[in-house]
Amino acid sequence: MFASTPVYEPEPGLLVFGLMQPPVVPDATDFLYTVTSAGVPRLDLIANEQYGTPSLWWVIASVNNILDPLVSVPQGTSLRMPTKDRLSAEGVLNV
C-alpha cells in the first residue's frame, strides 16, 4: 500500500512523504483581513472574495495555521492574506 506513496525532496536533506510541503508560507508582504459581522466566515468564501476563486481556501488555511478548514472563522479574527502578486509569482494564482 505505501509502496506507491510519493516522496519529495523540496530542498536537500528534507524528505516529505505523501503530500508536498505547502508552497505558501507567511511573508512580510501579507495583508491583514479582519472577519466582520457582515463578512463571510468560511475560508472558501473569503478566498473567492479576495482572490476571485474559492479554490485557494487552502492558501489562507496554510498561512494562518488553520488545521480544520470546515470550522468557520469567528468574527473579529484577523487573517494573514498573501497578496495576489505574490501568489502569482509563486505560481499559485494566474492573474
N, C-alpha and C. Protein backbone atom coordinates (compact mmCIF):
# COMPACT_ATOMS: atom_id res chain seq x y z
N MET A 1 0.81 -1.19 0.00
CA MET A 1 0.00 0.00 0.00
C MET A 1 0.86 1.26 0.00
N PHE A 2 1.91 1.32 0.83
CA PHE A 2 2.74 2.52 0.91
C PHE A 2 3.83 2.54 -0.15
N ALA A 3 3.96 1.49 -0.92
CA ALA A 3 5.00 1.45 -1.95
C ALA A 3 4.79 2.54 -3.00
N SER A 4 3.56 2.97 -3.20
CA SER A 4 3.31 4.00 -4.21
C SER A 4 3.21 5.40 -3.61
N THR A 5 3.50 5.55 -2.32
CA THR A 5 3.46 6.87 -1.69
C THR A 5 4.58 7.73 -2.27
N PRO A 6 4.23 8.89 -2.83
CA PRO A 6 5.27 9.74 -3.40
C PRO A 6 6.20 10.31 -2.32
N VAL A 7 7.45 10.43 -2.67
CA VAL A 7 8.46 11.03 -1.79
C VAL A 7 9.04 12.21 -2.53
N TYR A 8 9.04 13.38 -1.88
CA TYR A 8 9.55 14.60 -2.48
C TYR A 8 10.73 15.10 -1.67
N GLU A 9 11.65 15.75 -2.34
CA GLU A 9 12.77 16.39 -1.66
C GLU A 9 12.78 17.86 -2.10
N PRO A 10 11.96 18.71 -1.43
CA PRO A 10 11.85 20.10 -1.83
C PRO A 10 13.14 20.89 -1.65
N GLU A 11 13.98 20.44 -0.74
CA GLU A 11 15.31 21.03 -0.56
C GLU A 11 16.23 19.91 -0.06
N PRO A 12 17.50 20.02 -0.32
CA PRO A 12 18.41 18.93 0.06
C PRO A 12 18.31 18.56 1.54
N GLY A 13 18.13 17.27 1.79
CA GLY A 13 18.07 16.77 3.16
C GLY A 13 16.68 16.80 3.78
N LEU A 14 15.69 17.36 3.08
CA LEU A 14 14.33 17.43 3.61
C LEU A 14 13.44 16.54 2.76
N LEU A 15 13.07 15.39 3.32
CA LEU A 15 12.19 14.47 2.61
C LEU A 15 10.76 14.64 3.11
N VAL A 16 9.83 14.67 2.19
CA VAL A 16 8.42 14.79 2.51
C VAL A 16 7.72 13.59 1.90
N PHE A 17 7.00 12.84 2.72
CA PHE A 17 6.27 11.66 2.24
C PHE A 17 4.81 12.02 2.05
N GLY A 18 4.25 11.60 0.95
CA GLY A 18 2.83 11.83 0.70
C GLY A 18 2.61 13.15 0.01
N LEU A 19 2.18 14.14 0.75
CA LEU A 19 1.85 15.43 0.17
C LEU A 19 3.06 16.35 0.17
N MET A 20 3.08 17.26 -0.78
CA MET A 20 4.15 18.26 -0.82
C MET A 20 3.99 19.23 0.34
N GLN A 21 5.08 19.88 0.69
CA GLN A 21 5.00 20.95 1.68
C GLN A 21 4.13 22.06 1.13
N PRO A 22 3.44 22.79 1.99
CA PRO A 22 2.65 23.91 1.48
C PRO A 22 3.55 24.91 0.77
N PRO A 23 3.20 25.31 -0.45
CA PRO A 23 4.06 26.23 -1.20
C PRO A 23 3.94 27.68 -0.75
N VAL A 24 2.95 27.97 0.09
CA VAL A 24 2.75 29.35 0.54
C VAL A 24 2.92 29.40 2.04
N VAL A 25 3.84 30.25 2.48
CA VAL A 25 4.12 30.42 3.91
C VAL A 25 3.95 31.91 4.25
N PRO A 26 3.80 32.23 5.53
CA PRO A 26 3.66 33.65 5.90
C PRO A 26 4.84 34.48 5.39
N ASP A 27 4.54 35.72 5.05
CA ASP A 27 5.53 36.62 4.47
C ASP A 27 5.25 38.04 4.95
N ALA A 28 6.26 38.87 4.94
CA ALA A 28 6.10 40.26 5.40
C ALA A 28 5.18 41.07 4.49
N THR A 29 4.96 40.62 3.26
CA THR A 29 4.10 41.36 2.33
C THR A 29 2.61 41.03 2.51
N ASP A 30 2.29 40.07 3.37
CA ASP A 30 0.89 39.70 3.59
C ASP A 30 0.12 40.89 4.17
N PHE A 31 -1.16 40.96 3.84
CA PHE A 31 -2.01 41.98 4.45
C PHE A 31 -2.96 41.30 5.41
N LEU A 32 -3.54 42.07 6.31
CA LEU A 32 -4.47 41.52 7.30
C LEU A 32 -5.90 41.73 6.83
N TYR A 33 -6.67 40.66 6.92
CA TYR A 33 -8.09 40.69 6.59
C TYR A 33 -8.83 40.38 7.89
N THR A 34 -9.72 41.27 8.29
CA THR A 34 -10.48 41.06 9.52
C THR A 34 -11.89 40.61 9.17
N VAL A 35 -12.29 39.50 9.75
CA VAL A 35 -13.63 38.97 9.53
C VAL A 35 -14.60 39.83 10.33
N THR A 36 -15.52 40.46 9.63
CA THR A 36 -16.51 41.32 10.28
C THR A 36 -17.82 40.57 10.41
N SER A 37 -18.75 41.16 11.14
CA SER A 37 -20.05 40.50 11.30
C SER A 37 -20.78 40.39 9.97
N ALA A 38 -20.52 41.34 9.06
CA ALA A 38 -21.14 41.30 7.75
C ALA A 38 -20.29 40.49 6.77
N GLY A 39 -19.13 40.07 7.22
CA GLY A 39 -18.22 39.32 6.36
C GLY A 39 -18.60 37.87 6.23
N VAL A 40 -17.76 37.13 5.58
CA VAL A 40 -18.01 35.71 5.35
C VAL A 40 -17.11 34.88 6.25
N PRO A 41 -17.67 33.90 6.97
CA PRO A 41 -16.87 33.15 7.93
C PRO A 41 -16.15 31.93 7.37
N ARG A 42 -16.41 31.55 6.10
CA ARG A 42 -15.78 30.34 5.54
C ARG A 42 -14.59 30.70 4.68
N LEU A 43 -13.56 29.88 4.74
CA LEU A 43 -12.33 30.16 4.00
C LEU A 43 -12.54 30.18 2.49
N ASP A 44 -13.40 29.31 1.97
CA ASP A 44 -13.63 29.31 0.52
C ASP A 44 -14.30 30.60 0.06
N LEU A 45 -15.20 31.13 0.89
CA LEU A 45 -15.87 32.38 0.53
C LEU A 45 -14.93 33.58 0.65
N ILE A 46 -14.06 33.55 1.65
CA ILE A 46 -13.05 34.61 1.79
C ILE A 46 -12.09 34.57 0.61
N ALA A 47 -11.66 33.37 0.22
CA ALA A 47 -10.76 33.23 -0.93
C ALA A 47 -11.43 33.73 -2.20
N ASN A 48 -12.70 33.42 -2.37
CA ASN A 48 -13.41 33.89 -3.55
C ASN A 48 -13.50 35.41 -3.57
N GLU A 49 -13.75 35.99 -2.40
CA GLU A 49 -13.85 37.45 -2.29
C GLU A 49 -12.50 38.12 -2.57
N GLN A 50 -11.42 37.58 -2.03
CA GLN A 50 -10.10 38.22 -2.14
C GLN A 50 -9.33 37.85 -3.40
N TYR A 51 -9.47 36.61 -3.87
CA TYR A 51 -8.67 36.13 -4.99
C TYR A 51 -9.47 35.83 -6.24
N GLY A 52 -10.80 35.86 -6.13
CA GLY A 52 -11.63 35.59 -7.29
C GLY A 52 -11.87 34.11 -7.56
N THR A 53 -11.45 33.25 -6.65
CA THR A 53 -11.68 31.81 -6.77
C THR A 53 -11.76 31.18 -5.39
N PRO A 54 -12.75 30.33 -5.17
CA PRO A 54 -12.85 29.68 -3.86
C PRO A 54 -11.82 28.56 -3.67
N SER A 55 -11.18 28.13 -4.74
CA SER A 55 -10.26 27.00 -4.65
C SER A 55 -8.95 27.34 -3.92
N LEU A 56 -8.72 28.59 -3.62
CA LEU A 56 -7.49 28.97 -2.89
C LEU A 56 -7.71 29.07 -1.39
N TRP A 57 -8.76 28.42 -0.87
CA TRP A 57 -9.02 28.40 0.57
C TRP A 57 -7.82 27.84 1.32
N TRP A 58 -7.13 26.86 0.71
CA TRP A 58 -6.02 26.20 1.37
C TRP A 58 -4.84 27.14 1.59
N VAL A 59 -4.71 28.20 0.77
CA VAL A 59 -3.65 29.19 0.97
C VAL A 59 -3.88 29.92 2.28
N ILE A 60 -5.12 30.34 2.51
CA ILE A 60 -5.46 31.05 3.75
C ILE A 60 -5.26 30.12 4.95
N ALA A 61 -5.70 28.88 4.82
CA ALA A 61 -5.53 27.91 5.91
C ALA A 61 -4.05 27.68 6.20
N SER A 62 -3.25 27.52 5.17
CA SER A 62 -1.82 27.25 5.34
C SER A 62 -1.09 28.40 6.01
N VAL A 63 -1.32 29.61 5.54
CA VAL A 63 -0.62 30.78 6.06
C VAL A 63 -1.03 31.08 7.50
N ASN A 64 -2.28 30.74 7.85
CA ASN A 64 -2.79 31.04 9.19
C ASN A 64 -2.79 29.85 10.13
N ASN A 65 -2.17 28.74 9.72
CA ASN A 65 -2.10 27.52 10.53
C ASN A 65 -3.47 27.05 10.98
N ILE A 66 -4.43 27.10 10.07
CA ILE A 66 -5.77 26.61 10.37
C ILE A 66 -5.81 25.14 9.99
N LEU A 67 -6.03 24.29 10.96
CA LEU A 67 -5.98 22.85 10.73
C LEU A 67 -7.29 22.29 10.20
N ASP A 68 -8.41 22.88 10.59
CA ASP A 68 -9.71 22.39 10.15
C ASP A 68 -10.41 23.47 9.33
N PRO A 69 -10.34 23.39 8.01
CA PRO A 69 -10.92 24.44 7.18
C PRO A 69 -12.45 24.46 7.19
N LEU A 70 -13.08 23.44 7.76
CA LEU A 70 -14.54 23.39 7.78
C LEU A 70 -15.13 24.19 8.94
N VAL A 71 -14.30 24.56 9.90
CA VAL A 71 -14.77 25.36 11.03
C VAL A 71 -14.79 26.82 10.59
N SER A 72 -15.89 27.51 10.85
CA SER A 72 -15.97 28.91 10.44
C SER A 72 -15.03 29.76 11.27
N VAL A 73 -14.64 30.88 10.70
CA VAL A 73 -13.71 31.80 11.35
C VAL A 73 -14.52 32.79 12.18
N PRO A 74 -14.24 32.91 13.47
CA PRO A 74 -15.03 33.81 14.33
C PRO A 74 -14.91 35.29 13.92
N GLN A 75 -15.98 36.03 14.18
CA GLN A 75 -15.98 37.47 13.91
C GLN A 75 -14.84 38.13 14.67
N GLY A 76 -14.17 39.08 14.03
CA GLY A 76 -13.08 39.82 14.65
C GLY A 76 -11.72 39.18 14.44
N THR A 77 -11.69 37.98 13.89
CA THR A 77 -10.42 37.31 13.63
C THR A 77 -9.67 38.01 12.51
N SER A 78 -8.38 38.23 12.71
CA SER A 78 -7.53 38.79 11.65
C SER A 78 -6.78 37.64 10.98
N LEU A 79 -6.91 37.58 9.67
CA LEU A 79 -6.23 36.54 8.90
C LEU A 79 -5.14 37.17 8.05
N ARG A 80 -4.01 36.49 8.00
CA ARG A 80 -2.94 36.91 7.08
C ARG A 80 -3.35 36.48 5.69
N MET A 81 -3.20 37.38 4.72
CA MET A 81 -3.58 37.09 3.35
C MET A 81 -2.41 37.43 2.42
N PRO A 82 -1.86 36.44 1.74
CA PRO A 82 -0.83 36.74 0.76
C PRO A 82 -1.41 37.61 -0.36
N THR A 83 -0.60 38.48 -0.90
CA THR A 83 -1.08 39.34 -1.98
C THR A 83 -1.23 38.53 -3.27
N LYS A 84 -2.05 39.03 -4.18
CA LYS A 84 -2.25 38.38 -5.47
C LYS A 84 -0.93 38.32 -6.24
N ASP A 85 -0.15 39.40 -6.15
CA ASP A 85 1.14 39.44 -6.85
C ASP A 85 2.06 38.33 -6.37
N ARG A 86 2.11 38.11 -5.07
CA ARG A 86 2.98 37.06 -4.53
C ARG A 86 2.49 35.68 -4.95
N LEU A 87 1.18 35.45 -4.89
CA LEU A 87 0.65 34.16 -5.31
C LEU A 87 0.91 33.93 -6.80
N SER A 88 0.84 34.98 -7.57
CA SER A 88 1.13 34.86 -9.00
C SER A 88 2.60 34.53 -9.22
N ALA A 89 3.48 35.21 -8.49
CA ALA A 89 4.92 34.97 -8.63
C ALA A 89 5.31 33.56 -8.20
N GLU A 90 4.57 33.00 -7.24
CA GLU A 90 4.86 31.64 -6.75
C GLU A 90 4.13 30.57 -7.58
N GLY A 91 3.38 31.00 -8.60
CA GLY A 91 2.72 30.06 -9.48
C GLY A 91 1.44 29.46 -8.94
N VAL A 92 0.88 30.08 -7.91
CA VAL A 92 -0.34 29.56 -7.29
C VAL A 92 -1.59 30.17 -7.92
N LEU A 93 -1.51 31.41 -8.36
CA LEU A 93 -2.65 32.13 -8.91
C LEU A 93 -2.27 32.69 -10.28
N ASN A 94 -3.10 32.43 -11.26
CA ASN A 94 -2.90 33.00 -12.59
C ASN A 94 -3.68 34.29 -12.68
N VAL A 95 -2.97 35.41 -12.70
CA VAL A 95 -3.64 36.71 -12.71
C VAL A 95 -3.71 37.23 -14.12
